[in-house]
Amino acid sequence: MKISPGKQKGLEAVSNDRGVIGAAAMDQRGSLKSAIAKDKGIDKKGVTNQMMAEFKEAVTRILTPHASAILLDPEYGLYAARVRAKNAGLLLAYEKSGYDNTQPGRLPDLLDQFSVRRLVAAGADCVKVLLYYTPFDPPAVNETKHAWVERIGAECAAVDVSFFLEFVGYEENVDEKGIDFARKKPEIVSRSMEEFSKPQYGVDVLKVEVPVNMAFVKGARSCNGESVYSRDEAKEHFRRAASMAKKPFIYLSAGVSNDTFNESLELAAEAGTNFSGVLCGRATWKDGIPVYAKQGLKAFEEWLEKQGVANINNVNQRLAAAKPWFSFYGAASVTALT
């Protein structure tokens, strides 16, 4: 496997000096608006662009000194991108928030007024796209999604910029936090990692969910009683999913608490998985949303400086077990790639 100069430059920009990606995520849009509105006790339409921008700016300015990169959206996050710490690279999201709910399959779409070239012109070191995906969907649905990812991969290759693909598993009419989905999650994650490692997609980094639901791992701190997997079975699911990856992969926090995400990373380390870092969003800052909504920006900034920084440093401590992204290219260092 080889890497082009532009893609290498981008991955270097978003990783630390060990070649590990310790990135913060602040590209939430629809879900963030809904959360702020709920805690303010107002309609979602009452959450202004200014509120979204200042929330993202505060998170970016206060947390990026402790991160290797920040993921933002170009709709509300471009000002925040300018106030990030000098040590932090920039990933920009290319997809629209949410998905098409007028038909089955959670089909994605891209931002109308952006292209990969325009995202790079806006300062992106890497481009990220989110896709809801399950290998158990009808072939017609997944062929549409496969072609969509191929087009984005080709666009990134043409501009020579790294492509991060985030895929989130689901099943229609099933609670993704429930026990039934927990039983299917390992297969969904591992087969998705296998699929999007294929060369035709042009993906450079897989942004993946942990392959188990920690709430159903027997004996885990996050377990709330009923279990689906023993600790050893959970570790085996981590190993199997990791073995499917032919590209560097990083874990996303998927909205869980800081403690649950940290426990997930501890289990990944115990399992010996070769993950190359994290892109961690809500596990770092979501508990500050009520502070912002009810007490205002200054109180939120104070919360971030204390609890937000503590949260991101908790995650950073678990990255000691992560492997450098360049090891997937058979290199012992970045300089060995050239």
C-alpha atoms as a PDB file:
ATOM      1  CA  MET A   1       0.000   0.000   0.000  1.00  0.00           C
ATOM      2  CA  LYS A   2       1.322   3.437  -0.964  1.00  0.00           C
ATOM      3  CA  ILE A   3       0.214   6.914  -0.016  1.00  0.00           C
ATOM      4  CA  SER A   4       0.344  10.053  -2.147  1.00  0.00           C
ATOM      5  CA  PRO A   5       2.139  13.215  -0.988  1.00  0.00           C
ATOM      6  CA  GLY A   6      -1.056  15.203  -0.402  1.00  0.00           C
ATOM      7  CA  LYS A   7      -2.770  12.460   1.548  1.00  0.00           C
ATOM      8  CA  GLN A   8       0.356  11.915   3.646  1.00  0.00           C
ATOM      9  CA  LYS A   9       0.575  15.631   4.386  1.00  0.00           C
ATOM     10  CA  GLY A  10      -3.044  15.658   5.531  1.00  0.00           C
ATOM     11  CA  LEU A  11      -2.651  12.674   7.843  1.00  0.00           C
ATOM     12  CA  GLU A  12       0.473  14.183   9.356  1.00  0.00           C
ATOM     13  CA  ALA A  13      -1.455  17.409   9.990  1.00  0.00           C
ATOM     14  CA  VAL A  14      -4.225  15.667  11.973  1.00  0.00           C
ATOM     15  CA  SER A  15      -2.055  13.282  14.003  1.00  0.00           C
ATOM     16  CA  ASN A  16       0.402  13.798  16.840  1.00  0.00           C
ATOM     17  CA  ASP A  17       4.148  13.227  16.738  1.00  0.00           C
ATOM     18  CA  ARG A  18       3.567   9.493  17.325  1.00  0.00           C
ATOM     19  CA  GLY A  19       1.355   9.216  14.257  1.00  0.00           C
ATOM     20  CA  VAL A  20      -1.736   8.766  16.438  1.00  0.00           C
ATOM     21  CA  ILE A  21      -4.954  10.695  15.749  1.00  0.00           C
ATOM     22  CA  GLY A  22      -6.368  12.287  18.888  1.00  0.00           C
ATOM     23  CA  ALA A  23      -9.011  14.444  17.253  1.00  0.00           C
ATOM     24  CA  ALA A  24     -12.008  16.268  18.704  1.00  0.00           C
ATOM     25  CA  ALA A  25     -15.314  16.277  16.803  1.00  0.00           C
ATOM     26  CA  MET A  26     -17.572  19.334  16.639  1.00  0.00           C
ATOM     27  CA  ASP A  27     -19.433  18.853  13.339  1.00  0.00           C
ATOM     28  CA  GLN A  28     -22.835  18.106  14.883  1.00  0.00           C
ATOM     29  CA  ARG A  29     -25.603  20.242  13.441  1.00  0.00           C
ATOM     30  CA  GLY A  30     -29.205  19.002  13.654  1.00  0.00           C
ATOM     31  CA  SER A  31     -28.598  16.976  16.826  1.00  0.00           C
ATOM     32  CA  LEU A  32     -26.799  19.908  18.483  1.00  0.00           C
ATOM     33  CA  LYS A  33     -29.627  22.307  17.615  1.00  0.00           C
ATOM     34  CA  SER A  34     -32.148  19.872  19.083  1.00  0.00           C
ATOM     35  CA  ALA A  35     -30.131  19.422  22.287  1.00  0.00           C
ATOM     36  CA  ILE A  36     -29.673  23.169  22.843  1.00  0.00           C
ATOM     37  CA  ALA A  37     -33.364  23.794  22.126  1.00  0.00           C
ATOM     38  CA  LYS A  38     -34.446  21.081  24.564  1.00  0.00           C
ATOM     39  CA  ASP A  39     -32.314  22.476  27.404  1.00  0.00           C
ATOM     40  CA  LYS A  40     -33.405  26.042  26.647  1.00  0.00           C
ATOM     41  CA  GLY A  41     -37.034  24.979  26.527  1.00  0.00           C
ATOM     42  CA  ILE A  42     -37.516  26.533  23.090  1.00  0.00           C
ATOM     43  CA  ASP A  43     -38.378  25.374  19.588  1.00  0.00           C
ATOM     44  CA  LYS A  44     -35.451  24.119  17.499  1.00  0.00           C
ATOM     45  CA  LYS A  45     -35.999  27.025  15.092  1.00  0.00           C
ATOM     46  CA  GLY A  46     -35.112  29.372  17.956  1.00  0.00           C
ATOM     47  CA  VAL A  47     -31.525  28.128  18.019  1.00  0.00           C
ATOM     48  CA  THR A  48     -29.772  30.766  15.903  1.00  0.00           C
ATOM     49  CA  ASN A  49     -26.748  30.480  13.650  1.00  0.00           C
ATOM     50  CA  GLN A  50     -24.930  32.710  16.146  1.00  0.00           C
ATOM     51  CA  MET A  51     -25.614  30.217  18.967  1.00  0.00           C
ATOM     52  CA  MET A  52     -24.301  27.346  16.863  1.00  0.00           C
ATOM     53  CA  ALA A  53     -21.195  29.279  15.825  1.00  0.00           C
ATOM     54  CA  GLU A  54     -20.292  30.463  19.337  1.00  0.00           C
ATOM     55  CA  PHE A  55     -20.796  26.982  20.815  1.00  0.00           C
ATOM     56  CA  LYS A  56     -18.440  25.501  18.214  1.00  0.00           C
ATOM     57  CA  GLU A  57     -15.937  28.327  18.636  1.00  0.00           C
ATOM     58  CA  ALA A  58     -15.767  27.787  22.411  1.00  0.00           C
ATOM     59  CA  VAL A  59     -15.266  24.028  22.072  1.00  0.00           C
ATOM     60  CA  THR A  60     -12.602  24.509  19.407  1.00  0.00           C
ATOM     61  CA  ARG A  61     -10.641  27.251  21.159  1.00  0.00           C
ATOM     62  CA  ILE A  62     -10.578  25.540  24.563  1.00  0.00           C
ATOM     63  CA  LEU A  63     -10.147  21.879  23.584  1.00  0.00           C
ATOM     64  CA  THR A  64      -7.813  21.954  20.568  1.00  0.00           C
ATOM     65  CA  PRO A  65      -4.692  22.677  22.644  1.00  0.00           C
ATOM     66  CA  HIS A  66      -5.266  19.106  23.879  1.00  0.00           C
ATOM     67  CA  ALA A  67      -6.137  17.539  20.502  1.00  0.00           C
ATOM     68  CA  SER A  68      -4.238  16.624  17.351  1.00  0.00           C
ATOM     69  CA  ALA A  69      -7.105  17.925  15.189  1.00  0.00           C
ATOM     70  CA  ILE A  70     -10.672  19.212  15.161  1.00  0.00           C
ATOM     71  CA  LEU A  71     -13.528  18.044  12.944  1.00  0.00           C
ATOM     72  CA  LEU A  72     -15.922  20.859  12.024  1.00  0.00           C
ATOM     73  CA  ASP A  73     -18.709  21.491   9.541  1.00  0.00           C
ATOM     74  CA  PRO A  74     -18.373  24.298   6.971  1.00  0.00           C
ATOM     75  CA  GLU A  75     -21.905  25.550   7.692  1.00  0.00           C
ATOM     76  CA  TYR A  76     -21.315  26.857  11.231  1.00  0.00           C
ATOM     77  CA  GLY A  77     -17.697  25.957  11.986  1.00  0.00           C
ATOM     78  CA  LEU A  78     -15.452  27.952   9.649  1.00  0.00           C
ATOM     79  CA  TYR A  79     -14.907  30.761  12.143  1.00  0.00           C
ATOM     80  CA  ALA A  80     -14.131  28.190  14.839  1.00  0.00           C
ATOM     81  CA  ALA A  81     -11.557  26.654  12.488  1.00  0.00           C
ATOM     82  CA  ARG A  82      -9.635  29.941  12.542  1.00  0.00           C
ATOM     83  CA  VAL A  83      -9.333  29.978  16.339  1.00  0.00           C
ATOM     84  CA  ARG A  84      -8.077  26.416  16.750  1.00  0.00           C
ATOM     85  CA  ALA A  85      -4.711  25.819  18.397  1.00  0.00           C
ATOM     86  CA  LYS A  86      -1.704  25.825  16.064  1.00  0.00           C
ATOM     87  CA  ASN A  87      -0.959  22.193  16.926  1.00  0.00           C
ATOM     88  CA  ALA A  88      -4.364  21.031  15.651  1.00  0.00           C
ATOM     89  CA  GLY A  89      -5.125  19.996  12.082  1.00  0.00           C
ATOM     90  CA  LEU A  90      -8.529  20.507  10.475  1.00  0.00           C
ATOM     91  CA  LEU A  91     -11.030  18.000   9.134  1.00  0.00           C
ATOM     92  CA  LEU A  92     -14.164  19.329   7.438  1.00  0.00           C
ATOM     93  CA  ALA A  93     -17.419  17.407   7.023  1.00  0.00           C
ATOM     94  CA  TYR A  94     -18.809  17.089   3.489  1.00  0.00           C
ATOM     95  CA  GLU A  95     -22.210  15.516   4.149  1.00  0.00           C
ATOM     96  CA  LYS A  96     -25.501  17.176   4.986  1.00  0.00           C
ATOM     97  CA  SER A  97     -26.708  16.686   8.532  1.00  0.00           C
ATOM     98  CA  GLY A  98     -29.082  13.731   8.915  1.00  0.00           C
ATOM     99  CA  TYR A  99     -30.303  11.567   6.037  1.00  0.00           C
ATOM    100  CA  ASP A 100     -33.172  11.164   3.583  1.00  0.00           C
ATOM    101  CA  ASN A 101     -36.115   9.927   5.655  1.00  0.00           C
ATOM    102  CA  THR A 102     -38.588   9.939   2.765  1.00  0.00           C
ATOM    103  CA  GLN A 103     -37.553   6.406   1.760  1.00  0.00           C
ATOM    104  CA  PRO A 104     -35.925   3.356   3.414  1.00  0.00           C
ATOM    105  CA  GLY A 105     -32.159   3.045   3.700  1.00  0.00           C
ATOM    106  CA  ARG A 106     -31.104   6.320   5.363  1.00  0.00           C
ATOM    107  CA  LEU A 107     -29.593   7.559   2.115  1.00  0.00           C
ATOM    108  CA  PRO A 108     -27.004  10.354   2.492  1.00  0.00           C
ATOM    109  CA  ASP A 109     -26.453  13.591   0.624  1.00  0.00           C
ATOM    110  CA  LEU A 110     -23.627  16.102   0.265  1.00  0.00           C
ATOM    111  CA  LEU A 111     -23.634  19.817   1.047  1.00  0.00           C
ATOM    112  CA  ASP A 112     -24.968  21.709  -1.935  1.00  0.00           C
ATOM    113  CA  GLN A 113     -22.485  24.590  -1.966  1.00  0.00           C
ATOM    114  CA  PHE A 114     -19.305  22.626  -1.283  1.00  0.00           C
ATOM    115  CA  SER A 115     -17.014  20.241  -3.119  1.00  0.00           C
ATOM    116  CA  VAL A 116     -13.821  18.567  -1.950  1.00  0.00           C
ATOM    117  CA  ARG A 117     -11.873  21.281  -3.741  1.00  0.00           C
ATOM    118  CA  ARG A 118     -13.832  23.990  -1.906  1.00  0.00           C
ATOM    119  CA  LEU A 119     -13.338  22.281   1.464  1.00  0.00           C
ATOM    120  CA  VAL A 120      -9.592  22.193   0.874  1.00  0.00           C
ATOM    121  CA  ALA A 121      -9.695  25.864  -0.151  1.00  0.00           C
ATOM    122  CA  ALA A 122     -11.475  26.539   3.167  1.00  0.00           C
ATOM    123  CA  GLY A 123      -8.502  25.018   4.998  1.00  0.00           C
ATOM    124  CA  ALA A 124      -9.312  21.318   5.314  1.00  0.00           C
ATOM    125  CA  ASP A 125      -6.331  19.020   5.819  1.00  0.00           C
ATOM    126  CA  CYS A 126      -8.682  16.041   5.422  1.00  0.00           C
ATOM    127  CA  VAL A 127     -12.294  15.498   4.332  1.00  0.00           C
ATOM    128  CA  LYS A 128     -14.785  13.451   6.344  1.00  0.00           C
ATOM    129  CA  VAL A 129     -18.088  11.913   5.311  1.00  0.00           C
ATOM    130  CA  LEU A 130     -20.667  10.111   7.471  1.00  0.00           C
ATOM    131  CA  LEU A 131     -22.685   7.193   6.124  1.00  0.00           C
ATOM    132  CA  TYR A 132     -25.391   5.168   7.852  1.00  0.00           C
ATOM    133  CA  TYR A 133     -24.627   1.614   6.804  1.00  0.00           C
ATOM    134  CA  THR A 134     -25.517  -1.999   7.443  1.00  0.00           C
ATOM    135  CA  PRO A 135     -24.494  -4.962   5.287  1.00  0.00           C
ATOM    136  CA  PHE A 136     -27.986  -6.375   5.887  1.00  0.00           C
ATOM    137  CA  ASP A 137     -29.779  -3.695   3.849  1.00  0.00           C
ATOM    138  CA  PRO A 138     -31.238  -4.692   0.453  1.00  0.00           C
ATOM    139  CA  PRO A 139     -28.603  -4.837  -2.312  1.00  0.00           C
ATOM    140  CA  ALA A 140     -30.196  -1.914  -4.178  1.00  0.00           C
ATOM    141  CA  VAL A 141     -29.764   0.336  -1.134  1.00  0.00           C
ATOM    142  CA  ASN A 142     -26.160  -0.643  -0.551  1.00  0.00           C
ATOM    143  CA  GLU A 143     -25.187  -0.419  -4.209  1.00  0.00           C
ATOM    144  CA  THR A 144     -26.402   3.187  -4.121  1.00  0.00           C
ATOM    145  CA  LYS A 145     -24.265   3.840  -1.046  1.00  0.00           C
ATOM    146  CA  HIS A 146     -21.231   2.047  -2.478  1.00  0.00           C
ATOM    147  CA  ALA A 147     -21.341   4.147  -5.647  1.00  0.00           C
ATOM    148  CA  TRP A 148     -21.768   7.317  -3.554  1.00  0.00           C
ATOM    149  CA  VAL A 149     -18.631   6.545  -1.524  1.00  0.00           C
ATOM    150  CA  GLU A 150     -16.693   5.683  -4.696  1.00  0.00           C
ATOM    151  CA  ARG A 151     -17.517   9.102  -6.149  1.00  0.00           C
ATOM    152  CA  ILE A 152     -16.287  10.889  -3.021  1.00  0.00           C
ATOM    153  CA  GLY A 153     -13.133   8.770  -2.979  1.00  0.00           C
ATOM    154  CA  ALA A 154     -12.413   9.709  -6.584  1.00  0.00           C
ATOM    155  CA  GLU A 155     -13.023  13.393  -5.831  1.00  0.00           C
ATOM    156  CA  CYS A 156     -10.577  13.248  -2.900  1.00  0.00           C
ATOM    157  CA  ALA A 157      -8.002  11.451  -5.042  1.00  0.00           C
ATOM    158  CA  ALA A 158      -8.303  14.128  -7.740  1.00  0.00           C
ATOM    159  CA  VAL A 159      -7.512  16.856  -5.193  1.00  0.00           C
ATOM    160  CA  ASP A 160      -5.003  14.611  -3.361  1.00  0.00           C
ATOM    161  CA  VAL A 161      -6.573  14.993   0.084  1.00  0.00           C
ATOM    162  CA  SER A 162      -7.156  12.307   2.714  1.00  0.00           C
ATOM    163  CA  PHE A 163     -10.649  10.815   2.927  1.00  0.00           C
ATOM    164  CA  PHE A 164     -12.069   9.817   6.330  1.00  0.00           C
ATOM    165  CA  LEU A 165     -15.200   7.657   6.071  1.00  0.00           C
ATOM    166  CA  GLU A 166     -17.371   7.410   9.159  1.00  0.00           C
ATOM    167  CA  PHE A 167     -19.990   4.668   9.072  1.00  0.00           C
ATOM    168  CA  VAL A 168     -22.662   4.214  11.701  1.00  0.00           C
ATOM    169  CA  GLY A 169     -24.590   0.948  11.933  1.00  0.00           C
ATOM    170  CA  TYR A 170     -28.353   0.775  12.221  1.00  0.00           C
ATOM    171  CA  GLU A 171     -31.408  -1.366  11.657  1.00  0.00           C
ATOM    172  CA  GLU A 172     -34.750   0.085  10.664  1.00  0.00           C
ATOM    173  CA  ASN A 173     -37.358   0.026  13.447  1.00  0.00           C
ATOM    174  CA  VAL A 174     -34.862  -1.318  15.997  1.00  0.00           C
ATOM    175  CA  ASP A 175     -33.491   0.592  18.996  1.00  0.00           C
ATOM    176  CA  GLU A 176     -29.765   0.922  18.288  1.00  0.00           C
ATOM    177  CA  LYS A 177     -29.132   1.254  22.031  1.00  0.00           C
ATOM    178  CA  GLY A 178     -31.115  -1.888  22.857  1.00  0.00           C
ATOM    179  CA  ILE A 179     -30.199  -5.505  23.416  1.00  0.00           C
ATOM    180  CA  ASP A 180     -31.400  -6.811  20.035  1.00  0.00           C
ATOM    181  CA  PHE A 181     -29.137  -4.454  18.132  1.00  0.00           C
ATOM    182  CA  ALA A 182     -26.266  -5.195  20.546  1.00  0.00           C
ATOM    183  CA  ARG A 183     -26.360  -8.805  19.364  1.00  0.00           C
ATOM    184  CA  LYS A 184     -26.023  -7.763  15.718  1.00  0.00           C
ATOM    185  CA  LYS A 185     -23.583  -4.890  16.170  1.00  0.00           C
ATOM    186  CA  PRO A 186     -20.307  -6.909  16.017  1.00  0.00           C
ATOM    187  CA  GLU A 187     -21.218  -8.342  12.611  1.00  0.00           C
ATOM    188  CA  ILE A 188     -22.414  -4.999  11.271  1.00  0.00           C
ATOM    189  CA  VAL A 189     -19.210  -3.217  12.333  1.00  0.00           C
ATOM    190  CA  SER A 190     -16.775  -5.892  11.173  1.00  0.00           C
ATOM    191  CA  ARG A 191     -18.400  -6.398   7.769  1.00  0.00           C
ATOM    192  CA  SER A 192     -18.604  -2.648   7.211  1.00  0.00           C
ATOM    193  CA  MET A 193     -14.886  -2.313   7.986  1.00  0.00           C
ATOM    194  CA  GLU A 194     -14.167  -5.118   5.530  1.00  0.00           C
ATOM    195  CA  GLU A 195     -16.295  -3.524   2.799  1.00  0.00           C
ATOM    196  CA  PHE A 196     -14.865  -0.021   2.959  1.00  0.00           C
ATOM    197  CA  SER A 197     -11.273  -1.223   3.159  1.00  0.00           C
ATOM    198  CA  LYS A 198     -11.626  -2.212  -0.501  1.00  0.00           C
ATOM    199  CA  PRO A 199      -9.468  -0.082  -2.817  1.00  0.00           C
ATOM    200  CA  GLN A 200     -12.259   1.138  -5.098  1.00  0.00           C
ATOM    201  CA  TYR A 201     -13.583   3.418  -2.347  1.00  0.00           C
ATOM    202  CA  GLY A 202     -10.345   5.366  -1.944  1.00  0.00           C
ATOM    203  CA  VAL A 203     -10.847   5.662   1.817  1.00  0.00           C
ATOM    204  CA  ASP A 204      -7.720   6.587   3.773  1.00  0.00           C
ATOM    205  CA  VAL A 205      -8.993   6.313   7.357  1.00  0.00           C
ATOM    206  CA  LEU A 206     -12.001   4.349   8.616  1.00  0.00           C
ATOM    207  CA  LYS A 207     -13.838   6.132  11.426  1.00  0.00           C
ATOM    208  CA  VAL A 208     -15.644   3.258  13.142  1.00  0.00           C
ATOM    209  CA  GLU A 209     -17.867   2.430  16.074  1.00  0.00           C
ATOM    210  CA  VAL A 210     -16.560   0.070  18.722  1.00  0.00           C
ATOM    211  CA  PRO A 211     -17.987  -3.333  17.750  1.00  0.00           C
ATOM    212  CA  VAL A 212     -19.883  -3.937  21.015  1.00  0.00           C
ATOM    213  CA  ASN A 213     -22.332  -2.024  23.166  1.00  0.00           C
ATOM    214  CA  MET A 214     -20.518  -1.569  26.483  1.00  0.00           C
ATOM    215  CA  ALA A 215     -23.869  -1.482  28.305  1.00  0.00           C
ATOM    216  CA  PHE A 216     -24.168  -5.211  27.584  1.00  0.00           C
ATOM    217  CA  VAL A 217     -20.603  -6.364  28.375  1.00  0.00           C
ATOM    218  CA  LYS A 218     -20.784  -8.506  31.503  1.00  0.00           C
ATOM    219  CA  GLY A 219     -18.841  -6.965  34.386  1.00  0.00           C
ATOM    220  CA  ALA A 220     -18.204  -3.675  32.579  1.00  0.00           C
ATOM    221  CA  ARG A 221     -18.629  -0.429  34.511  1.00  0.00           C
ATOM    222  CA  SER A 222     -21.128   0.596  31.861  1.00  0.00           C
ATOM    223  CA  CYS A 223     -23.204  -2.584  32.115  1.00  0.00           C
ATOM    224  CA  ASN A 224     -26.673  -1.931  33.458  1.00  0.00           C
ATOM    225  CA  GLY A 225     -27.582  -5.517  34.303  1.00  0.00           C
ATOM    226  CA  GLU A 226     -28.447  -7.716  31.335  1.00  0.00           C
ATOM    227  CA  SER A 227     -25.471  -8.773  29.217  1.00  0.00           C
ATOM    228  CA  VAL A 228     -24.920 -10.027  25.678  1.00  0.00           C
ATOM    229  CA  TYR A 229     -21.174 -10.689  25.748  1.00  0.00           C
ATOM    230  CA  SER A 230     -18.640 -11.769  28.334  1.00  0.00           C
ATOM    231  CA  ARG A 231     -15.512  -9.639  28.577  1.00  0.00           C
ATOM    232  CA  ASP A 232     -13.533 -12.239  26.620  1.00  0.00           C
ATOM    233  CA  GLU A 233     -16.223 -12.400  23.930  1.00  0.00           C
ATOM    234  CA  ALA A 234     -16.217  -8.616  23.673  1.00  0.00           C
ATOM    235  CA  LYS A 235     -12.439  -8.579  23.212  1.00  0.00           C
ATOM    236  CA  GLU A 236     -12.753 -11.187  20.489  1.00  0.00           C
ATOM    237  CA  HIS A 237     -15.274  -8.966  18.702  1.00  0.00           C
ATOM    238  CA  PHE A 238     -12.739  -6.120  18.865  1.00  0.00           C
ATOM    239  CA  ARG A 239     -10.041  -8.365  17.381  1.00  0.00           C
ATOM    240  CA  ARG A 240     -12.277  -9.712  14.615  1.00  0.00           C
ATOM    241  CA  ALA A 241     -13.410  -6.260  13.523  1.00  0.00           C
ATOM    242  CA  ALA A 242      -9.829  -4.963  13.586  1.00  0.00           C
ATOM    243  CA  SER A 243      -8.668  -7.891  11.458  1.00  0.00           C
ATOM    244  CA  MET A 244     -11.073  -6.799   8.721  1.00  0.00           C
ATOM    245  CA  ALA A 245      -9.474  -3.363   8.356  1.00  0.00           C
ATOM    246  CA  LYS A 246      -6.976  -2.964   5.550  1.00  0.00           C
ATOM    247  CA  LYS A 247      -6.747   0.784   6.199  1.00  0.00           C
ATOM    248  CA  PRO A 248      -5.949   2.746   9.387  1.00  0.00           C
ATOM    249  CA  PHE A 249      -9.008   3.003  11.614  1.00  0.00           C
ATOM    250  CA  ILE A 250     -10.004   5.201  14.539  1.00  0.00           C
ATOM    251  CA  TYR A 251     -12.868   4.917  17.007  1.00  0.00           C
ATOM    252  CA  LEU A 252     -15.761   7.356  17.292  1.00  0.00           C
ATOM    253  CA  SER A 253     -17.527   7.988  20.586  1.00  0.00           C
ATOM    254  CA  ALA A 254     -21.087   7.662  19.181  1.00  0.00           C
ATOM    255  CA  GLY A 255     -22.657   9.840  21.845  1.00  0.00           C
ATOM    256  CA  VAL A 256     -21.754   7.705  24.866  1.00  0.00           C
ATOM    257  CA  SER A 257     -20.485   9.177  28.124  1.00  0.00           C
ATOM    258  CA  ASN A 258     -16.834   9.986  28.677  1.00  0.00           C
ATOM    259  CA  ASP A 259     -16.474   7.068  31.109  1.00  0.00           C
ATOM    260  CA  THR A 260     -18.108   4.593  28.718  1.00  0.00           C
ATOM    261  CA  PHE A 261     -15.908   5.683  25.811  1.00  0.00           C
ATOM    262  CA  ASN A 262     -12.807   5.405  27.981  1.00  0.00           C
ATOM    263  CA  GLU A 263     -13.862   1.909  29.025  1.00  0.00           C
ATOM    264  CA  SER A 264     -14.299   1.013  25.345  1.00  0.00           C
ATOM    265  CA  LEU A 265     -10.742   2.157  24.626  1.00  0.00           C
ATOM    266  CA  GLU A 266      -9.434   0.200  27.611  1.00  0.00           C
ATOM    267  CA  LEU A 267     -11.074  -2.934  26.212  1.00  0.00           C
ATOM    268  CA  ALA A 268      -9.645  -2.236  22.752  1.00  0.00           C
ATOM    269  CA  ALA A 269      -6.199  -1.984  24.340  1.00  0.00           C
ATOM    270  CA  GLU A 270      -6.687  -5.230  26.270  1.00  0.00           C
ATOM    271  CA  ALA A 271      -7.729  -6.913  23.036  1.00  0.00           C
ATOM    272  CA  GLY A 272      -4.549  -5.671  21.347  1.00  0.00           C
ATOM    273  CA  THR A 273      -6.351  -3.967  18.475  1.00  0.00           C
ATOM    274  CA  ASN A 274      -4.255  -1.830  16.132  1.00  0.00           C
ATOM    275  CA  PHE A 275      -6.480   1.248  16.206  1.00  0.00           C
ATOM    276  CA  SER A 276      -4.783   4.527  15.263  1.00  0.00           C
ATOM    277  CA  GLY A 277      -6.648   6.888  17.563  1.00  0.00           C
ATOM    278  CA  VAL A 278     -10.031   8.518  18.010  1.00  0.00           C
ATOM    279  CA  LEU A 279     -12.329  11.194  16.708  1.00  0.00           C
ATOM    280  CA  CYS A 280     -14.220  11.998  19.873  1.00  0.00           C
ATOM    281  CA  GLY A 281     -17.098  14.466  20.047  1.00  0.00           C
ATOM    282  CA  ARG A 282     -19.989  14.275  22.454  1.00  0.00           C
ATOM    283  CA  ALA A 283     -18.129  12.167  25.034  1.00  0.00           C
ATOM    284  CA  THR A 284     -16.005  15.252  25.612  1.00  0.00           C
ATOM    285  CA  TRP A 285     -18.434  18.175  25.545  1.00  0.00           C
ATOM    286  CA  LYS A 286     -22.096  17.030  25.514  1.00  0.00           C
ATOM    287  CA  ASP A 287     -22.560  17.395  29.299  1.00  0.00           C
ATOM    288  CA  GLY A 288     -21.829  21.084  28.818  1.00  0.00           C
ATOM    289  CA  ILE A 289     -24.875  21.657  26.589  1.00  0.00           C
ATOM    290  CA  PRO A 290     -27.237  22.281  29.542  1.00  0.00           C
ATOM    291  CA  VAL A 291     -24.679  24.709  30.995  1.00  0.00           C
ATOM    292  CA  TYR A 292     -24.600  26.681  27.741  1.00  0.00           C
ATOM    293  CA  ALA A 293     -28.367  26.562  27.291  1.00  0.00           C
ATOM    294  CA  LYS A 294     -29.285  27.645  30.811  1.00  0.00           C
ATOM    295  CA  GLN A 295     -26.331  29.715  32.009  1.00  0.00           C
ATOM    296  CA  GLY A 296     -24.841  31.146  28.823  1.00  0.00           C
ATOM    297  CA  LEU A 297     -21.551  31.215  26.951  1.00  0.00           C
ATOM    298  CA  LYS A 298     -19.258  32.328  29.784  1.00  0.00           C
ATOM    299  CA  ALA A 299     -20.443  29.545  32.101  1.00  0.00           C
ATOM    300  CA  PHE A 300     -20.015  27.043  29.260  1.00  0.00           C
ATOM    301  CA  GLU A 301     -16.453  28.249  28.635  1.00  0.00           C
ATOM    302  CA  GLU A 302     -15.674  27.793  32.335  1.00  0.00           C
ATOM    303  CA  TRP A 303     -17.156  24.302  32.204  1.00  0.00           C
ATOM    304  CA  LEU A 304     -15.045  23.441  29.149  1.00  0.00           C
ATOM    305  CA  GLU A 305     -11.844  24.729  30.767  1.00  0.00           C
ATOM    306  CA  LYS A 306     -12.390  22.441  33.732  1.00  0.00           C
ATOM    307  CA  GLN A 307     -14.525  19.429  32.805  1.00  0.00           C
ATOM    308  CA  GLY A 308     -14.129  19.497  29.020  1.00  0.00           C
ATOM    309  CA  VAL A 309     -10.342  19.547  29.268  1.00  0.00           C
ATOM    310  CA  ALA A 310     -10.441  16.778  31.905  1.00  0.00           C
ATOM    311  CA  ASN A 311     -12.633  14.693  29.579  1.00  0.00           C
ATOM    312  CA  ILE A 312     -10.364  15.036  26.552  1.00  0.00           C
ATOM    313  CA  ASN A 313      -7.281  14.302  28.662  1.00  0.00           C
ATOM    314  CA  ASN A 314      -8.969  11.152  29.976  1.00  0.00           C
ATOM    315  CA  VAL A 315      -9.338   9.986  26.378  1.00  0.00           C
ATOM    316  CA  ASN A 316      -5.775  11.015  25.518  1.00  0.00           C
ATOM    317  CA  GLN A 317      -4.441   8.808  28.298  1.00  0.00           C
ATOM    318  CA  ARG A 318      -6.080   5.783  26.632  1.00  0.00           C
ATOM    319  CA  LEU A 319      -4.313   6.565  23.361  1.00  0.00           C
ATOM    320  CA  ALA A 320      -1.035   5.221  24.707  1.00  0.00           C
ATOM    321  CA  ALA A 321      -2.184   1.870  23.301  1.00  0.00           C
ATOM    322  CA  ALA A 322      -2.922   3.262  19.816  1.00  0.00           C
ATOM    323  CA  LYS A 323      -0.725   2.404  16.843  1.00  0.00           C
ATOM    324  CA  PRO A 324       0.516   5.010  14.324  1.00  0.00           C
ATOM    325  CA  TRP A 325      -1.493   5.306  11.118  1.00  0.00           C
ATOM    326  CA  PHE A 326       1.657   4.860   9.029  1.00  0.00           C
ATOM    327  CA  SER A 327       2.172   1.348  10.426  1.00  0.00           C
ATOM    328  CA  PHE A 328      -0.625   0.237   8.051  1.00  0.00           C
ATOM    329  CA  TYR A 329       1.750   1.197   5.238  1.00  0.00           C
ATOM    330  CA  GLY A 330       4.475  -1.014   6.674  1.00  0.00           C
ATOM    331  CA  ALA A 331       6.489   2.007   7.790  1.00  0.00           C
ATOM    332  CA  ALA A 332       8.198   2.512  11.129  1.00  0.00           C
ATOM    333  CA  SER A 333       8.011   6.317  10.771  1.00  0.00           C
ATOM    334  CA  VAL A 334       6.540   9.020   8.549  1.00  0.00           C
ATOM    335  CA  THR A 335       9.905   9.608   6.911  1.00  0.00           C
ATOM    336  CA  ALA A 336      10.109   5.939   5.958  1.00  0.00           C
ATOM    337  CA  LEU A 337       7.072   6.447   3.683  1.00  0.00           C
ATOM    338  CA  THR A 338       8.971   8.634   1.227  1.00  0.00           C
END
